N, C-alpha and C. Protein backbone atom coordinates (compact mmCIF):
# COMPACT_ATOMS: atom_id res chain seq x y z
N UNK A 1 118.59 -191.29 32.64
CA UNK A 1 117.88 -190.51 31.32
C UNK A 1 116.72 -189.66 31.90
N UNK A 2 116.45 -188.43 31.61
CA UNK A 2 115.78 -187.45 32.31
C UNK A 2 114.43 -187.70 31.45
N UNK A 3 113.37 -187.15 32.04
CA UNK A 3 112.06 -187.37 31.26
C UNK A 3 112.15 -186.62 30.05
N UNK A 4 112.65 -185.46 29.96
CA UNK A 4 112.72 -184.51 28.72
C UNK A 4 113.37 -185.46 27.66
N UNK A 5 114.41 -186.15 27.95
CA UNK A 5 115.35 -186.69 26.91
C UNK A 5 114.53 -188.01 26.46
N UNK A 6 113.72 -188.64 27.49
CA UNK A 6 112.86 -189.87 27.13
C UNK A 6 111.76 -189.19 26.36
N UNK A 7 111.31 -188.42 26.64
CA UNK A 7 110.08 -187.66 25.66
C UNK A 7 110.58 -187.67 24.44
N UNK A 8 111.80 -186.77 24.20
CA UNK A 8 112.14 -186.58 22.74
C UNK A 8 112.61 -187.78 22.21
N UNK A 9 113.09 -188.78 22.79
CA UNK A 9 113.51 -190.06 22.28
C UNK A 9 112.04 -190.83 21.74
N UNK A 10 111.13 -190.65 22.61
CA UNK A 10 109.73 -191.32 22.26
C UNK A 10 109.25 -190.65 20.98
N UNK A 11 109.37 -189.24 20.93
CA UNK A 11 109.07 -188.41 19.67
C UNK A 11 109.75 -188.89 18.57
N UNK A 12 111.05 -188.97 18.82
CA UNK A 12 111.83 -189.59 17.48
C UNK A 12 111.31 -190.72 17.13
N UNK A 13 111.25 -191.65 18.04
CA UNK A 13 110.70 -192.99 17.67
C UNK A 13 109.49 -193.16 17.01
N UNK A 14 108.51 -192.22 17.29
CA UNK A 14 107.22 -192.18 16.49
C UNK A 14 107.31 -191.45 15.40
N UNK A 15 108.01 -190.61 15.23
CA UNK A 15 108.59 -189.86 13.73
C UNK A 15 109.02 -190.90 12.94
N UNK A 16 110.09 -191.84 13.30
CA UNK A 16 110.69 -192.66 12.38
C UNK A 16 109.57 -193.82 12.10
N UNK A 17 108.47 -194.18 12.95
CA UNK A 17 107.71 -195.04 12.51
C UNK A 17 106.84 -194.40 11.52
N UNK A 18 106.47 -193.11 11.73
CA UNK A 18 105.57 -192.71 10.73
C UNK A 18 106.09 -192.40 9.28
N UNK A 19 107.19 -192.21 9.17
CA UNK A 19 108.00 -192.22 7.90
C UNK A 19 108.25 -193.48 7.39
N UNK A 20 108.42 -194.36 8.00
CA UNK A 20 108.36 -195.86 7.68
C UNK A 20 107.04 -196.41 6.94
N UNK A 21 106.20 -195.94 7.70
CA UNK A 21 104.90 -196.16 7.34
C UNK A 21 104.35 -195.80 6.04
N UNK A 22 104.81 -194.26 5.74
CA UNK A 22 104.64 -193.94 4.45
C UNK A 22 105.35 -194.49 3.21
N UNK A 23 106.53 -194.93 3.67
CA UNK A 23 107.53 -195.66 2.53
C UNK A 23 106.74 -196.98 2.15
N UNK A 24 106.17 -197.84 3.56
CA UNK A 24 105.58 -198.96 2.96
C UNK A 24 104.38 -198.73 2.29
N UNK A 25 103.39 -197.63 2.33
CA UNK A 25 102.27 -197.36 1.93
C UNK A 25 102.54 -197.14 0.27
N UNK A 26 103.79 -196.53 -0.18
CA UNK A 26 103.97 -196.06 -1.38
C UNK A 26 104.29 -197.62 -2.15
N UNK A 27 105.18 -198.26 -1.29
CA UNK A 27 105.62 -199.48 -2.13
C UNK A 27 104.34 -200.34 -2.36
N UNK A 28 103.37 -200.35 -1.30
CA UNK A 28 102.19 -201.16 -1.46
C UNK A 28 101.43 -200.71 -2.50
N UNK A 29 101.24 -199.50 -2.64
CA UNK A 29 100.65 -198.84 -3.75
C UNK A 29 100.98 -199.27 -5.08
N UNK A 30 102.32 -199.19 -5.31
CA UNK A 30 102.84 -199.66 -6.39
C UNK A 30 102.69 -201.16 -6.72
N UNK A 31 102.82 -202.07 -5.78
CA UNK A 31 102.70 -203.53 -6.01
C UNK A 31 101.41 -203.58 -6.26
N UNK A 32 100.25 -203.10 -5.78
CA UNK A 32 98.93 -203.29 -5.97
C UNK A 32 98.53 -202.93 -7.30
N UNK A 33 98.92 -201.60 -7.80
CA UNK A 33 98.72 -201.16 -8.98
C UNK A 33 99.28 -201.86 -10.14
N UNK A 34 100.46 -202.50 -9.99
CA UNK A 34 101.18 -203.65 -10.73
C UNK A 34 100.21 -204.66 -10.87
N UNK A 35 99.72 -205.32 -9.66
CA UNK A 35 98.79 -206.46 -9.87
C UNK A 35 97.62 -206.24 -10.48
N UNK A 36 96.92 -204.95 -10.34
CA UNK A 36 95.69 -204.60 -10.96
C UNK A 36 95.89 -204.60 -12.58
N UNK A 37 97.00 -203.72 -13.06
CA UNK A 37 97.18 -203.58 -14.47
C UNK A 37 97.49 -205.29 -15.17
N UNK A 38 98.41 -205.96 -14.42
CA UNK A 38 98.55 -207.35 -14.77
C UNK A 38 97.13 -208.09 -14.78
N UNK A 39 96.35 -207.84 -14.02
CA UNK A 39 94.91 -208.51 -14.09
C UNK A 39 94.26 -208.29 -15.25
N UNK A 40 94.05 -206.75 -15.45
CA UNK A 40 93.17 -206.12 -16.42
C UNK A 40 93.65 -206.12 -18.03
N UNK A 41 94.99 -206.24 -17.97
CA UNK A 41 95.57 -205.95 -19.10
C UNK A 41 96.35 -207.44 -19.88
N UNK A 42 96.43 -208.33 -18.78
CA UNK A 42 97.14 -209.52 -19.22
C UNK A 42 96.61 -210.84 -18.98
N UNK A 43 96.08 -211.02 -17.69
CA UNK A 43 95.42 -212.29 -17.36
C UNK A 43 94.27 -212.47 -17.57
N UNK A 44 93.15 -211.51 -17.30
CA UNK A 44 91.82 -211.82 -17.72
C UNK A 44 91.57 -211.79 -19.04
N UNK A 45 92.33 -210.92 -20.01
CA UNK A 45 91.94 -211.20 -21.59
C UNK A 45 92.32 -212.59 -22.12
N UNK A 46 93.14 -213.17 -21.40
CA UNK A 46 93.59 -214.64 -21.76
C UNK A 46 92.32 -215.36 -21.70
N UNK A 47 91.29 -215.28 -20.78
CA UNK A 47 90.15 -215.98 -20.64
C UNK A 47 88.90 -215.30 -21.18
N UNK A 48 89.46 -214.50 -22.24
CA UNK A 48 88.19 -213.73 -22.91
C UNK A 48 87.18 -212.86 -22.06
N UNK A 49 87.91 -212.51 -21.07
CA UNK A 49 87.31 -211.39 -19.98
C UNK A 49 87.80 -210.04 -20.24
N UNK A 50 87.07 -209.38 -21.17
CA UNK A 50 87.75 -207.95 -21.59
C UNK A 50 87.17 -206.89 -20.82
N UNK A 51 87.80 -206.42 -19.69
CA UNK A 51 87.39 -205.36 -18.93
C UNK A 51 88.56 -204.31 -18.92
N UNK A 52 89.20 -204.09 -19.65
CA UNK A 52 90.15 -203.15 -19.88
C UNK A 52 89.70 -201.88 -19.78
N UNK A 53 88.43 -201.50 -20.28
CA UNK A 53 87.92 -199.95 -20.17
C UNK A 53 87.64 -199.94 -18.65
N UNK A 54 87.51 -200.69 -17.85
CA UNK A 54 87.23 -200.25 -16.46
C UNK A 54 88.54 -200.21 -15.44
N UNK A 55 89.58 -200.21 -16.16
CA UNK A 55 91.00 -200.21 -15.45
C UNK A 55 91.04 -198.82 -14.89
N UNK A 56 90.70 -197.89 -15.41
CA UNK A 56 90.56 -196.61 -15.01
C UNK A 56 89.80 -196.22 -13.71
N UNK A 57 88.89 -196.84 -13.50
CA UNK A 57 88.11 -196.91 -12.46
C UNK A 57 88.91 -197.29 -11.31
N UNK A 58 89.33 -198.53 -11.34
CA UNK A 58 89.93 -199.35 -10.29
C UNK A 58 91.18 -198.46 -9.97
N UNK A 59 91.78 -198.08 -10.90
CA UNK A 59 93.16 -197.24 -10.50
C UNK A 59 92.54 -196.09 -9.77
N UNK A 60 91.35 -195.22 -10.13
CA UNK A 60 91.06 -194.16 -9.30
C UNK A 60 90.84 -194.65 -7.91
N UNK A 61 90.09 -195.73 -7.70
CA UNK A 61 89.76 -196.11 -6.22
C UNK A 61 91.13 -196.52 -5.64
N UNK A 62 91.85 -197.17 -6.12
CA UNK A 62 93.31 -197.73 -5.73
C UNK A 62 94.09 -196.09 -5.06
N UNK A 63 94.02 -195.30 -6.15
CA UNK A 63 94.54 -194.04 -5.94
C UNK A 63 94.25 -193.34 -4.58
N UNK A 64 92.81 -193.27 -4.74
CA UNK A 64 92.06 -192.69 -3.41
C UNK A 64 92.51 -193.14 -2.16
N UNK A 65 92.41 -194.62 -2.50
CA UNK A 65 92.50 -195.34 -0.74
C UNK A 65 93.93 -195.11 -0.48
N UNK A 66 95.06 -195.37 -1.33
CA UNK A 66 96.34 -195.30 -0.93
C UNK A 66 96.98 -193.81 -0.75
N UNK A 67 96.12 -192.92 -1.65
CA UNK A 67 96.63 -191.78 -1.55
C UNK A 67 96.11 -191.03 -0.16
N UNK A 68 95.07 -191.37 0.47
CA UNK A 68 94.49 -190.92 1.85
C UNK A 68 95.60 -191.45 2.81
N UNK A 69 96.15 -192.88 2.62
CA UNK A 69 96.85 -193.40 3.70
C UNK A 69 98.29 -192.69 3.60
N UNK A 70 98.67 -192.23 2.33
CA UNK A 70 100.02 -191.69 2.26
C UNK A 70 100.07 -190.06 2.86
N UNK A 71 99.03 -189.49 2.56
CA UNK A 71 98.79 -188.05 3.04
C UNK A 71 98.52 -188.25 4.68
N UNK A 72 97.81 -189.13 4.96
CA UNK A 72 97.74 -189.31 6.50
C UNK A 72 99.07 -189.70 7.23
N UNK A 73 99.89 -190.49 6.63
CA UNK A 73 101.05 -190.95 6.86
C UNK A 73 102.20 -189.55 7.01
N UNK A 74 102.14 -188.81 5.82
CA UNK A 74 103.19 -187.81 5.76
C UNK A 74 102.55 -186.66 6.86
N UNK A 75 101.09 -186.63 7.13
CA UNK A 75 100.63 -185.44 8.40
C UNK A 75 101.15 -186.17 9.65
N UNK A 76 100.97 -187.26 9.86
CA UNK A 76 101.52 -187.71 11.23
C UNK A 76 103.06 -187.72 11.30
N UNK A 77 103.88 -187.78 10.26
CA UNK A 77 105.19 -187.29 10.17
C UNK A 77 105.48 -186.19 10.77
N UNK A 78 104.63 -185.10 10.21
CA UNK A 78 105.00 -183.77 10.64
C UNK A 78 104.44 -183.45 11.88
N UNK A 79 103.47 -184.03 12.34
CA UNK A 79 103.03 -184.10 13.77
C UNK A 79 104.13 -184.44 14.66
N UNK A 80 104.69 -185.44 14.39
CA UNK A 80 105.76 -186.03 15.53
C UNK A 80 107.07 -185.19 15.31
N UNK A 81 107.05 -184.59 14.09
CA UNK A 81 108.44 -183.54 14.01
C UNK A 81 108.22 -182.34 14.60
N UNK A 82 106.70 -181.85 14.67
CA UNK A 82 106.38 -180.50 15.53
C UNK A 82 106.55 -180.85 17.00
N UNK A 83 106.27 -182.10 17.29
CA UNK A 83 105.94 -182.36 18.86
C UNK A 83 107.22 -182.08 19.70
N UNK A 84 108.41 -182.04 19.02
CA UNK A 84 109.54 -181.57 19.66
C UNK A 84 109.72 -180.11 19.96
N UNK A 85 109.23 -179.32 19.43
CA UNK A 85 109.22 -177.95 19.68
C UNK A 85 107.90 -177.32 20.12
N UNK A 86 106.81 -177.95 19.71
CA UNK A 86 105.43 -177.23 20.24
C UNK A 86 104.45 -178.22 20.87
N UNK A 87 103.49 -177.72 21.48
CA UNK A 87 102.58 -178.69 22.25
C UNK A 87 101.77 -179.19 21.27
N UNK A 88 100.95 -180.35 22.12
CA UNK A 88 100.17 -181.20 21.11
C UNK A 88 99.08 -180.24 20.33
N UNK A 89 98.30 -179.40 21.02
CA UNK A 89 97.23 -178.63 19.96
C UNK A 89 97.91 -178.02 18.72
N UNK A 90 99.08 -177.35 18.94
CA UNK A 90 99.71 -176.58 17.86
C UNK A 90 100.07 -177.88 16.68
N UNK A 91 100.64 -178.91 17.31
CA UNK A 91 101.16 -179.76 16.14
C UNK A 91 99.94 -180.65 15.52
N UNK A 92 98.83 -180.74 16.24
CA UNK A 92 97.65 -181.24 15.88
C UNK A 92 96.86 -180.50 14.89
N UNK A 93 96.93 -179.20 14.98
CA UNK A 93 96.56 -178.18 14.28
C UNK A 93 97.20 -178.23 12.76
N UNK A 94 98.41 -178.21 12.70
CA UNK A 94 99.19 -178.25 11.61
C UNK A 94 99.03 -179.86 11.19
N UNK A 95 98.98 -180.68 11.81
CA UNK A 95 98.73 -182.12 11.03
C UNK A 95 97.37 -181.98 10.45
N UNK A 96 96.24 -181.50 10.92
CA UNK A 96 94.96 -181.43 10.02
C UNK A 96 94.99 -180.60 9.17
N UNK A 97 95.89 -179.42 9.12
CA UNK A 97 95.87 -178.48 7.54
C UNK A 97 96.62 -179.53 6.78
N UNK A 98 97.69 -180.19 7.01
CA UNK A 98 98.29 -180.98 6.18
C UNK A 98 97.47 -181.99 5.44
N UNK A 99 96.63 -182.59 6.32
CA UNK A 99 95.74 -183.68 5.85
C UNK A 99 94.69 -183.05 5.09
N UNK A 100 94.21 -181.96 5.17
CA UNK A 100 93.22 -181.22 4.40
C UNK A 100 93.71 -180.83 2.99
N UNK A 101 95.02 -180.36 3.05
CA UNK A 101 95.66 -179.73 1.78
C UNK A 101 96.06 -181.08 0.84
N UNK A 102 96.37 -182.02 1.60
CA UNK A 102 96.71 -183.43 0.93
C UNK A 102 95.59 -184.00 0.31
N UNK A 103 94.32 -184.11 0.73
CA UNK A 103 93.30 -184.33 0.36
C UNK A 103 92.70 -183.69 -0.85
N UNK A 104 92.70 -182.06 -0.42
CA UNK A 104 92.48 -181.22 -1.77
C UNK A 104 93.17 -181.65 -2.79
N UNK A 105 94.64 -182.04 -2.73
CA UNK A 105 95.44 -181.96 -3.79
C UNK A 105 95.07 -183.55 -4.50
N UNK A 106 94.80 -184.43 -3.78
CA UNK A 106 94.42 -185.77 -4.16
C UNK A 106 92.97 -185.71 -4.98
N UNK A 107 92.10 -184.86 -4.65
CA UNK A 107 91.13 -184.58 -5.18
C UNK A 107 91.26 -183.79 -6.70
N UNK A 108 91.97 -182.85 -6.61
CA UNK A 108 92.37 -182.23 -7.83
C UNK A 108 93.29 -183.01 -8.73
N UNK A 109 94.13 -183.80 -8.36
CA UNK A 109 94.78 -184.93 -9.17
C UNK A 109 93.78 -185.87 -10.00
N UNK A 110 92.87 -186.53 -9.19
CA UNK A 110 92.07 -187.35 -9.69
C UNK A 110 91.09 -186.90 -10.51
N UNK A 111 90.57 -185.48 -10.45
CA UNK A 111 89.88 -184.66 -11.32
C UNK A 111 90.54 -184.46 -12.71
N UNK A 112 91.77 -184.07 -12.41
CA UNK A 112 92.47 -183.91 -13.53
C UNK A 112 92.66 -185.10 -14.49
N UNK A 113 92.94 -186.05 -13.62
CA UNK A 113 93.20 -187.53 -14.55
C UNK A 113 92.05 -187.99 -15.27
N UNK A 114 90.60 -187.74 -14.60
CA UNK A 114 89.47 -188.19 -14.92
C UNK A 114 88.81 -187.50 -16.28
N UNK A 115 88.81 -186.02 -15.73
CA UNK A 115 87.91 -185.15 -16.62
C UNK A 115 88.93 -184.39 -17.30
N UNK A 116 90.22 -184.17 -17.34
CA UNK A 116 91.15 -183.41 -18.13
C UNK A 116 91.85 -182.55 -17.21
N UNK A 117 92.98 -181.90 -17.88
CA UNK A 117 93.89 -181.04 -16.84
C UNK A 117 93.17 -179.82 -16.70
N UNK A 118 92.24 -179.23 -17.17
CA UNK A 118 91.47 -178.22 -17.07
C UNK A 118 90.67 -178.21 -15.73
N UNK A 119 90.12 -179.44 -15.94
CA UNK A 119 89.35 -179.43 -14.55
C UNK A 119 90.04 -179.47 -13.33
N UNK A 120 91.33 -180.49 -13.22
CA UNK A 120 92.00 -180.52 -12.31
C UNK A 120 92.77 -179.17 -11.84
N UNK A 121 93.06 -178.24 -12.80
CA UNK A 121 93.47 -176.92 -12.47
C UNK A 121 92.65 -176.19 -11.69
N UNK A 122 91.20 -176.12 -12.40
CA UNK A 122 90.26 -175.31 -11.85
C UNK A 122 90.06 -175.66 -10.37
N UNK A 123 89.96 -177.15 -10.19
CA UNK A 123 89.59 -177.53 -9.06
C UNK A 123 90.58 -177.26 -7.74
N UNK A 124 91.94 -177.52 -8.36
CA UNK A 124 93.01 -177.20 -7.57
C UNK A 124 93.10 -175.70 -6.97
N UNK A 125 92.75 -175.02 -7.95
CA UNK A 125 92.85 -173.65 -7.64
C UNK A 125 91.87 -173.02 -6.63
N UNK A 126 90.60 -173.60 -6.99
CA UNK A 126 89.46 -173.30 -6.04
C UNK A 126 89.88 -173.89 -4.62
N UNK A 127 90.32 -175.12 -4.51
CA UNK A 127 90.47 -175.78 -3.20
C UNK A 127 91.72 -174.95 -2.48
N UNK A 128 92.87 -174.36 -3.26
CA UNK A 128 93.90 -173.92 -2.74
C UNK A 128 93.44 -172.56 -2.05
N UNK A 129 92.49 -171.60 -2.74
CA UNK A 129 91.96 -170.62 -2.15
C UNK A 129 91.12 -171.06 -0.86
N UNK A 130 90.29 -171.82 -0.88
CA UNK A 130 89.51 -172.14 0.35
C UNK A 130 90.21 -172.51 1.22
N UNK A 131 91.44 -173.54 1.09
CA UNK A 131 91.94 -174.20 2.15
C UNK A 131 93.00 -173.13 2.66
N UNK A 132 93.54 -172.30 1.95
CA UNK A 132 94.41 -171.12 2.16
C UNK A 132 93.77 -170.21 2.96
N UNK A 133 92.68 -169.65 2.86
CA UNK A 133 91.93 -168.82 3.77
C UNK A 133 91.50 -169.27 5.02
N UNK A 134 91.01 -170.82 5.14
CA UNK A 134 90.71 -171.33 6.13
C UNK A 134 91.75 -171.60 7.12
N UNK A 135 93.04 -171.83 6.52
CA UNK A 135 94.25 -172.10 7.22
C UNK A 135 94.82 -170.83 7.81
N UNK A 136 94.55 -169.73 7.07
CA UNK A 136 94.95 -168.34 7.54
C UNK A 136 94.34 -168.07 8.64
N UNK A 137 92.89 -168.25 8.74
CA UNK A 137 92.01 -168.13 9.76
C UNK A 137 92.33 -168.70 11.13
N UNK A 138 92.59 -170.19 10.98
CA UNK A 138 92.71 -171.09 12.07
C UNK A 138 94.29 -170.68 12.61
N UNK A 139 95.06 -170.57 11.80
CA UNK A 139 96.68 -170.46 12.58
C UNK A 139 97.25 -169.25 12.55
N UNK A 140 96.65 -168.28 11.80
CA UNK A 140 96.85 -166.95 12.18
C UNK A 140 97.62 -166.36 11.25
């Protein structure tokens, strides 16, 4: 096996690991959200602890944490997919752009969920312009 084939095999393996991580993060997010919902709305009220008003804040924290993990996993998958054809600096630049876009989308989604749809749309539009112009300057 030549070194080129070995490198492509290694890249394919890393790409597969990255997509498996994304799937695992999504499954964990759903499981943790289900547990939190059960605790806040079924288990704790049985014992007279009524904190259902704070479930929104717990959901936001969980969405931020797992959202970042999912965005990073997708960015790593794209990085390893691009490594087949491009060098490390190019693939790393695209990975960073994907992370920035994902974090911007995550922030807009959270803002839309908390403050209303208009806030999410406004923040998403602003972040889209800022990230778009910055990406255009970096990638050309």
